[in-house]
């Protein structure tokens, strides 16, 4: 291989520092930076340091597309780490295809997508939605009220959850969407409807600043999470840290990773992160995927030519890494990642009690061809739900 010894391996980074999803994307940015620092401290890529070329897309799909084009065409970047909302990932896809570039995408999403130019390291629906539907209908009942932000991920995620609830003989009480720029009074009106219709649980696909507004409106209305909780795939430690832990207590999230996960790898990683960025910083499922995907990329780069996209496309599938959640693996057939589903219940300190988890990793099935609970049926019950 004709490697330029010592020359940096430049990688693009597109996570928002401003805009409606800035809180969660800042955590993804910091996780990426931490992983790059670790990789460079251990010798980089065959002696070449990883160098991040970063821009702030401001939570705007149009800005994501423009900045991705600039990274590839002007900065000579061949791999981009980034995107949070599915609308931003979809905005970047045409750029990747036009320039034969790669995106590593560290966010849970709605599934039903494959691109040879994308590696998906967040959870697919069979690694979070299926488990959450089973837990909620078993533990609380099958009447669900759905509320989400108005873009592609919530619409598709609610479609999937509807099917899962219907399969269990359930009922969809309502399905409502609010703009990303919705105000507190909009969420108070939604919660008023919830209080009137009395579902068994609320399934939230609200993201960004609206998350805090929903949970605060719920608390103001005096609703009881022990009887009628909010269940989410997207409410993480980052959102709870922003809204105030008291508003999230008792509500549930399905994710492959929580900061409270008690493993040696996670304890070391969280300690390193806080030592570097401050004790007030929290990790979350998107943070963890952003962190481990950089290590997966670096490992693939060490095994091939890091400047050759086609070589990376051959090297990344099948790659494994000992992530904070446990062992993860890039699937050879669909570019998604084998992960370990868990259910967490928010507590007073802003962290989660993990109340159920799969015993082993779950193969990604983004098209839900066979969304059985075979992997989940051997769950480890950690405490009474």
Protein backbone atom coordinates (compact mmCIF):
# COMPACT_ATOMS: atom_id res chain seq x y z
CA UNK A 1 0.00 0.00 0.00
CA UNK A 2 1.22 3.47 -0.83
CA UNK A 3 0.71 5.15 2.58
CA UNK A 4 1.86 8.70 3.28
CA UNK A 5 3.65 7.89 6.53
CA UNK A 6 2.95 10.51 9.18
CA UNK A 7 0.33 12.42 7.18
CA UNK A 8 -2.98 12.68 9.07
CA UNK A 9 -5.93 10.51 8.10
CA UNK A 10 -8.66 13.13 7.77
CA UNK A 11 -12.20 12.19 8.78
CA UNK A 12 -15.23 14.46 8.65
CA UNK A 13 -17.50 15.11 11.62
CA UNK A 14 -21.04 16.53 11.32
CA UNK A 15 -22.75 16.93 14.68
CA UNK A 16 -24.74 20.03 15.60
CA UNK A 17 -23.54 22.45 18.25
CA UNK A 18 -26.66 24.57 17.81
CA UNK A 19 -30.29 23.96 16.86
CA UNK A 20 -33.12 21.86 18.30
CA UNK A 21 -31.11 18.63 18.61
CA UNK A 22 -27.88 20.22 19.83
CA UNK A 23 -27.90 18.60 23.30
CA UNK A 24 -27.77 15.02 22.06
CA UNK A 25 -25.50 15.84 19.11
CA UNK A 26 -22.99 17.58 21.37
CA UNK A 27 -22.68 14.32 23.27
CA UNK A 28 -22.00 12.47 20.01
CA UNK A 29 -19.37 15.05 19.11
CA UNK A 30 -17.59 14.67 22.48
CA UNK A 31 -17.67 10.87 22.23
CA UNK A 32 -16.10 11.05 18.78
CA UNK A 33 -13.38 13.38 20.03
CA UNK A 34 -12.64 11.09 23.00
CA UNK A 35 -12.28 8.05 20.76
CA UNK A 36 -9.99 9.92 18.36
CA UNK A 37 -7.81 11.02 21.26
CA UNK A 38 -7.55 7.41 22.48
CA UNK A 39 -6.68 6.14 19.01
CA UNK A 40 -4.01 8.78 18.47
CA UNK A 41 -2.52 8.16 21.93
CA UNK A 42 -2.07 4.51 20.97
CA UNK A 43 -0.26 5.23 17.69
CA UNK A 44 -3.04 6.32 15.38
CA UNK A 45 -3.40 4.51 12.07
CA UNK A 46 0.00 2.95 11.44
CA UNK A 47 1.69 6.02 12.86
CA UNK A 48 -0.68 8.46 11.15
CA UNK A 49 -2.95 10.48 13.46
CA UNK A 50 -6.69 10.67 12.90
CA UNK A 51 -7.68 14.28 12.26
CA UNK A 52 -11.28 15.46 12.56
CA UNK A 53 -12.56 18.06 10.11
CA UNK A 54 -15.66 19.42 11.83
CA UNK A 55 -18.58 21.71 10.97
CA UNK A 56 -21.81 22.71 12.77
CA UNK A 57 -24.89 21.82 10.66
CA UNK A 58 -27.18 23.56 13.19
CA UNK A 59 -29.73 20.69 13.17
CA UNK A 60 -30.65 21.60 9.58
CA UNK A 61 -30.95 18.86 6.90
CA UNK A 62 -30.07 21.39 4.18
CA UNK A 63 -26.93 22.43 6.07
CA UNK A 64 -25.96 18.78 6.52
CA UNK A 65 -26.12 18.24 2.78
CA UNK A 66 -24.12 21.39 2.00
CA UNK A 67 -21.45 20.70 4.60
CA UNK A 68 -21.13 17.04 3.60
CA UNK A 69 -20.52 18.17 0.01
CA UNK A 70 -17.91 20.63 1.25
CA UNK A 71 -16.16 17.99 3.36
CA UNK A 72 -15.83 15.62 0.43
CA UNK A 73 -15.28 18.03 -2.45
CA UNK A 74 -13.23 20.75 -0.74
CA UNK A 75 -11.60 19.07 2.27
CA UNK A 76 -10.85 15.75 0.57
CA UNK A 77 -12.64 13.72 3.25
CA UNK A 78 -13.72 10.19 2.34
CA UNK A 79 -15.40 9.17 5.63
CA UNK A 80 -17.91 11.22 7.65
CA UNK A 81 -18.94 10.55 11.25
CA UNK A 82 -22.27 12.13 12.02
CA UNK A 83 -25.99 12.86 11.67
CA UNK A 84 -28.71 12.48 14.29
CA UNK A 85 -32.17 12.94 12.78
CA UNK A 86 -33.06 10.61 9.93
CA UNK A 87 -33.90 13.64 7.81
CA UNK A 88 -30.25 14.70 8.08
CA UNK A 89 -28.96 11.25 7.20
CA UNK A 90 -31.22 11.11 4.16
CA UNK A 91 -30.04 14.59 3.14
CA UNK A 92 -26.43 13.37 3.14
CA UNK A 93 -27.06 10.11 1.23
CA UNK A 94 -27.00 11.61 -2.30
CA UNK A 95 -23.67 13.27 -1.52
CA UNK A 96 -22.17 9.98 -0.38
CA UNK A 97 -23.38 8.20 -3.50
CA UNK A 98 -22.16 10.94 -5.85
CA UNK A 99 -18.65 11.06 -4.36
CA UNK A 100 -18.30 7.42 -3.26
CA UNK A 101 -17.86 8.45 0.37
CA UNK A 102 -18.86 6.72 3.62
CA UNK A 103 -21.01 7.75 6.59
CA UNK A 104 -20.85 6.12 10.01
CA UNK A 105 -24.20 6.89 11.63
CA UNK A 106 -24.40 6.46 15.44
CA UNK A 107 -28.09 7.04 16.07
CA UNK A 108 -31.02 4.67 16.54
CA UNK A 109 -33.37 4.98 13.60
CA UNK A 110 -36.54 3.64 12.01
CA UNK A 111 -34.94 0.95 9.86
CA UNK A 112 -36.08 -0.01 6.36
CA UNK A 113 -32.94 1.35 4.74
CA UNK A 114 -29.70 0.00 3.34
CA UNK A 115 -26.92 1.89 1.62
CA UNK A 116 -23.50 0.55 0.80
CA UNK A 117 -22.24 4.01 1.74
CA UNK A 118 -23.59 3.93 5.32
CA UNK A 119 -22.69 1.92 8.43
CA UNK A 120 -25.47 2.07 11.02
CA UNK A 121 -24.18 1.69 14.58
CA UNK A 122 -27.33 2.74 16.46
CA UNK A 123 -30.22 0.39 17.19
CA UNK A 124 -32.55 -0.90 14.46
CA UNK A 125 -36.24 -1.47 15.31
CA UNK A 126 -35.75 -5.15 16.16
CA UNK A 127 -33.19 -4.08 18.78
CA UNK A 128 -35.36 -1.56 20.65
CA UNK A 129 -38.96 -1.21 19.39
CA UNK A 130 -39.82 -4.91 19.56
CA UNK A 131 -38.52 -5.19 23.11
CA UNK A 132 -40.24 -1.99 24.24
CA UNK A 133 -43.60 -3.06 22.80
CA UNK A 134 -43.35 -6.41 24.58
CA UNK A 135 -42.41 -4.83 27.90
CA UNK A 136 -45.05 -2.09 27.84
CA UNK A 137 -47.99 -4.25 26.77
CA UNK A 138 -47.04 -6.93 29.29
CA UNK A 139 -46.43 -4.54 32.18
CA UNK A 140 -48.95 -1.73 31.63
CA UNK A 141 -51.53 -2.65 28.98
CA UNK A 142 -52.06 -2.33 25.25
CA UNK A 143 -53.79 1.05 24.80
CA UNK A 144 -51.13 3.43 23.51
CA UNK A 145 -51.14 7.18 22.89
CA UNK A 146 -48.46 8.18 20.34
CA UNK A 147 -46.86 11.62 20.17
CA UNK A 148 -43.89 12.53 18.01
CA UNK A 149 -41.94 15.23 16.24
CA UNK A 150 -43.01 15.81 12.66
CA UNK A 151 -40.33 14.27 10.45
CA UNK A 152 -39.50 10.87 9.00
CA UNK A 153 -38.22 8.98 12.06
CA UNK A 154 -41.25 9.51 14.32
CA UNK A 155 -43.72 8.71 11.54
CA UNK A 156 -41.95 5.47 10.64
CA UNK A 157 -41.22 4.51 14.24
CA UNK A 158 -44.87 4.98 15.17
CA UNK A 159 -45.91 2.86 12.20
CA UNK A 160 -43.70 0.05 13.49
CA UNK A 161 -44.91 0.42 17.07
CA UNK A 162 -48.53 0.43 15.87
CA UNK A 163 -47.99 -2.90 14.13
CA UNK A 164 -46.31 -4.37 17.22
CA UNK A 165 -49.13 -3.21 19.50
CA UNK A 166 -51.81 -4.43 17.09
CA UNK A 167 -50.12 -7.84 16.94
CA UNK A 168 -50.69 -8.02 20.70
CA UNK A 169 -54.37 -7.17 20.40
CA UNK A 170 -53.79 -3.56 21.38
CA UNK A 171 -55.34 -0.23 20.45
CA UNK A 172 -53.89 3.07 19.27
CA UNK A 173 -55.73 5.78 21.17
CA UNK A 174 -54.17 8.65 19.21
CA UNK A 175 -51.22 9.52 16.96
CA UNK A 176 -50.17 13.17 17.00
CA UNK A 177 -47.19 15.07 15.56
CA UNK A 178 -45.79 18.43 16.50
CA UNK A 179 -43.22 20.54 14.64
CA UNK A 180 -39.64 20.51 15.88
CA UNK A 181 -40.17 24.16 16.86
CA UNK A 182 -43.26 23.41 18.99
CA UNK A 183 -43.78 25.47 22.15
CA UNK A 184 -44.59 24.40 25.75
CA UNK A 185 -48.26 25.28 25.29
CA UNK A 186 -48.47 22.80 22.38
CA UNK A 187 -47.31 20.00 24.66
CA UNK A 188 -49.66 21.07 27.45
CA UNK A 189 -52.54 20.65 24.99
CA UNK A 190 -51.31 17.15 24.11
CA UNK A 191 -51.03 16.16 27.76
CA UNK A 192 -54.55 17.45 28.38
CA UNK A 193 -55.77 14.98 25.75
CA UNK A 194 -53.72 12.22 27.34
CA UNK A 195 -55.28 12.94 30.72
CA UNK A 196 -58.76 12.78 29.17
CA UNK A 197 -58.22 9.61 27.14
CA UNK A 198 -56.29 7.68 29.81
CA UNK A 199 -54.13 5.32 27.70
CA UNK A 200 -52.10 2.57 29.33
CA UNK A 201 -48.87 4.24 28.21
CA UNK A 202 -47.55 7.04 26.00
CA UNK A 203 -45.09 6.22 23.24
CA UNK A 204 -42.95 9.30 22.59
CA UNK A 205 -40.94 9.87 19.45
CA UNK A 206 -40.43 13.51 20.34
CA UNK A 207 -36.82 14.61 19.90
CA UNK A 208 -34.71 17.64 20.67
CA UNK A 209 -35.96 20.50 22.81
CA UNK A 210 -39.53 19.19 22.64
CA UNK A 211 -38.60 16.23 24.84
CA UNK A 212 -38.22 18.44 27.91
CA UNK A 213 -41.47 20.23 27.10
CA UNK A 214 -43.40 16.95 26.92
CA UNK A 215 -42.06 15.53 30.18
CA UNK A 216 -42.53 18.82 32.03
CA UNK A 217 -46.11 19.12 30.78
CA UNK A 218 -46.75 15.55 31.93
CA UNK A 219 -45.43 16.36 35.43
CA UNK A 220 -47.40 19.62 35.62
CA UNK A 221 -50.59 17.69 34.84
CA UNK A 222 -50.00 15.43 37.85
CA UNK A 223 -49.93 12.19 35.85
CA UNK A 224 -48.40 9.09 37.43
CA UNK A 225 -45.56 7.24 35.62
CA UNK A 226 -46.08 4.20 37.84
CA UNK A 227 -49.49 3.73 36.21
CA UNK A 228 -49.23 5.44 32.80
CA UNK A 229 -45.58 6.10 31.87
CA UNK A 230 -43.96 7.67 28.85
CA UNK A 231 -42.05 5.02 26.91
CA UNK A 232 -39.39 6.19 24.47
CA UNK A 233 -36.54 5.12 22.25
CA UNK A 234 -34.98 8.59 22.17
CA UNK A 235 -35.14 9.99 25.71
CA UNK A 236 -31.61 9.49 26.98
CA UNK A 237 -29.43 10.74 29.82
CA UNK A 238 -28.62 13.78 27.66
CA UNK A 239 -32.26 14.90 27.41
CA UNK A 240 -32.83 14.18 31.10
CA UNK A 241 -29.76 16.21 32.01
CA UNK A 242 -31.20 19.12 30.03
CA UNK A 243 -34.78 18.92 31.33
CA UNK A 244 -34.08 18.12 35.00
CA UNK A 245 -34.10 14.59 36.42
CA UNK A 246 -37.24 15.18 38.47
CA UNK A 247 -39.35 15.31 35.31
CA UNK A 248 -38.17 11.94 33.98
CA UNK A 249 -38.37 9.75 37.10
CA UNK A 250 -40.30 6.54 36.46
CA UNK A 251 -40.45 6.83 32.68
CA UNK A 252 -38.92 4.19 30.42
CA UNK A 253 -36.46 4.02 27.55
CA UNK A 254 -35.38 1.10 25.38
CA UNK A 255 -31.72 1.26 24.36
CA UNK A 256 -28.64 -0.96 24.04
CA UNK A 257 -26.65 1.25 26.44
CA UNK A 258 -27.14 3.29 29.60
CA UNK A 259 -24.45 5.13 31.55
CA UNK A 260 -25.41 3.15 34.67
CA UNK A 261 -24.39 -0.13 33.01
CA UNK A 262 -22.07 -1.84 35.48
CA UNK A 263 -19.29 -3.38 33.39
CA UNK A 264 -15.52 -2.83 33.67
CA UNK A 265 -15.36 -1.45 30.13
CA UNK A 266 -18.17 1.04 30.77
CA UNK A 267 -16.79 2.15 34.13
CA UNK A 268 -13.40 2.84 32.54
CA UNK A 269 -14.91 4.68 29.58
CA UNK A 270 -17.24 6.86 31.67
CA UNK A 271 -14.40 7.72 34.07
CA UNK A 272 -12.15 8.69 31.16
CA UNK A 273 -14.89 10.81 29.60
CA UNK A 274 -15.65 12.70 32.81
CA UNK A 275 -11.96 13.22 33.55
CA UNK A 276 -11.53 14.74 30.10
CA UNK A 277 -14.73 16.79 29.79
CA UNK A 278 -16.06 17.28 33.34
CA UNK A 279 -18.11 15.48 35.99
CA UNK A 280 -21.29 17.19 34.81
CA UNK A 281 -21.19 15.42 31.44
CA UNK A 282 -23.32 12.30 30.93
CA UNK A 283 -23.10 9.49 28.43
CA UNK A 284 -26.01 7.91 26.53
CA UNK A 285 -26.79 5.40 23.79
CA UNK A 286 -25.93 7.81 20.95
CA UNK A 287 -22.74 8.83 22.73
CA UNK A 288 -21.73 5.20 23.04
CA UNK A 289 -22.38 4.39 19.37
CA UNK A 290 -20.47 7.52 18.32
CA UNK A 291 -17.59 6.37 20.52
CA UNK A 292 -17.33 2.75 19.46
CA UNK A 293 -17.87 3.40 15.75
CA UNK A 294 -14.63 5.43 15.65
CA UNK A 295 -12.77 2.47 17.14
CA UNK A 296 -14.37 0.13 14.59
CA UNK A 297 -13.31 2.50 11.81
CA UNK A 298 -9.75 2.81 13.14
CA UNK A 299 -9.40 -0.95 13.38
CA UNK A 300 -10.57 -1.34 9.78
CA UNK A 301 -8.19 1.40 8.66
CA UNK A 302 -5.26 -0.34 10.33
CA UNK A 303 -6.05 -3.52 8.40
CA UNK A 304 -6.20 -1.88 4.97
CA UNK A 305 -5.50 1.36 3.12
CA UNK A 306 -7.28 4.07 5.19
CA UNK A 307 -7.55 6.32 2.14
CA UNK A 308 -9.31 3.70 -0.02
CA UNK A 309 -13.10 3.67 0.36
CA UNK A 310 -13.49 0.34 -1.44
CA UNK A 311 -10.93 -1.23 0.87
CA UNK A 312 -12.81 0.08 3.91
CA UNK A 313 -16.06 -1.27 2.51
CA UNK A 314 -14.42 -4.70 2.56
CA UNK A 315 -12.77 -4.30 5.97
CA UNK A 316 -15.61 -2.85 8.09
CA UNK A 317 -18.20 -5.65 7.70
CA UNK A 318 -17.53 -8.33 10.30
CA UNK A 319 -15.51 -5.95 12.50
CA UNK A 320 -15.97 -6.32 16.26
CA UNK A 321 -15.13 -4.16 19.27
CA UNK A 322 -15.46 -4.45 23.04
CA UNK A 323 -17.78 -1.45 23.49
CA UNK A 324 -19.05 -0.10 26.83
CA UNK A 325 -22.33 -2.01 26.28
CA UNK A 326 -20.46 -5.24 25.53
CA UNK A 327 -19.18 -6.80 22.33
CA UNK A 328 -20.57 -5.23 19.13
CA UNK A 329 -20.19 -6.38 15.54
CA UNK A 330 -20.85 -4.90 12.11
CA UNK A 331 -23.11 -7.25 10.18
CA UNK A 332 -21.59 -8.52 6.94
CA UNK A 333 -24.86 -8.37 5.01
CA UNK A 334 -26.64 -5.15 5.95
CA UNK A 335 -24.03 -2.76 7.46
CA UNK A 336 -26.01 -2.56 10.72
CA UNK A 337 -24.61 -3.56 14.11
CA UNK A 338 -25.20 -6.47 16.48
CA UNK A 339 -26.25 -4.86 19.81
CA UNK A 340 -27.67 -5.87 23.20
CA UNK A 341 -31.21 -4.54 23.89
CA UNK A 342 -32.11 -3.24 27.35
CA UNK A 343 -35.02 -1.49 29.09
CA UNK A 344 -34.20 1.30 31.54
CA UNK A 345 -36.36 3.18 34.03
CA UNK A 346 -35.31 6.75 34.85
CA UNK A 347 -34.43 7.50 38.44
CA UNK A 348 -33.96 10.60 40.59
CA UNK A 349 -30.27 11.13 39.79
CA UNK A 350 -30.91 11.31 36.04
CA UNK A 351 -29.59 7.82 35.41
CA UNK A 352 -31.48 4.61 34.62
CA UNK A 353 -32.14 1.40 36.48
CA UNK A 354 -31.79 -1.38 33.91
CA UNK A 355 -34.84 -3.52 34.54
CA UNK A 356 -34.55 -5.97 31.64
CA UNK A 357 -31.85 -6.92 29.18
CA UNK A 358 -31.16 -9.55 26.55
CA UNK A 359 -28.64 -12.16 27.55
CA UNK A 360 -26.64 -11.79 24.34
CA UNK A 361 -26.36 -9.48 21.36
CA UNK A 362 -29.18 -9.35 18.82
CA UNK A 363 -28.62 -9.59 15.09
CA UNK A 364 -29.81 -6.42 13.30
CA UNK A 365 -32.90 -6.94 11.15
CA UNK A 366 -33.63 -3.43 9.82
CA UNK A 367 -36.47 -4.63 7.60
CA UNK A 368 -38.18 -6.57 10.42
CA UNK A 369 -38.34 -9.66 8.28
CA UNK A 370 -38.63 -11.79 11.40
CA UNK A 371 -39.11 -9.73 14.56
CA UNK A 372 -39.45 -12.61 16.97
CA UNK A 373 -38.53 -12.29 20.63
CA UNK A 374 -36.24 -15.31 20.49
CA UNK A 375 -33.31 -13.26 21.76
CA UNK A 376 -35.44 -11.34 24.24
CA UNK A 377 -37.21 -14.41 25.65
CA UNK A 378 -34.04 -15.26 27.59
CA UNK A 379 -34.03 -11.81 29.15
CA UNK A 380 -32.44 -11.34 32.53
CA UNK A 381 -34.99 -9.82 34.92
CA UNK A 382 -32.96 -7.51 37.13
CA UNK A 383 -35.76 -6.30 39.38
CA UNK A 384 -39.51 -6.38 39.58
CA UNK A 385 -41.15 -4.18 36.99
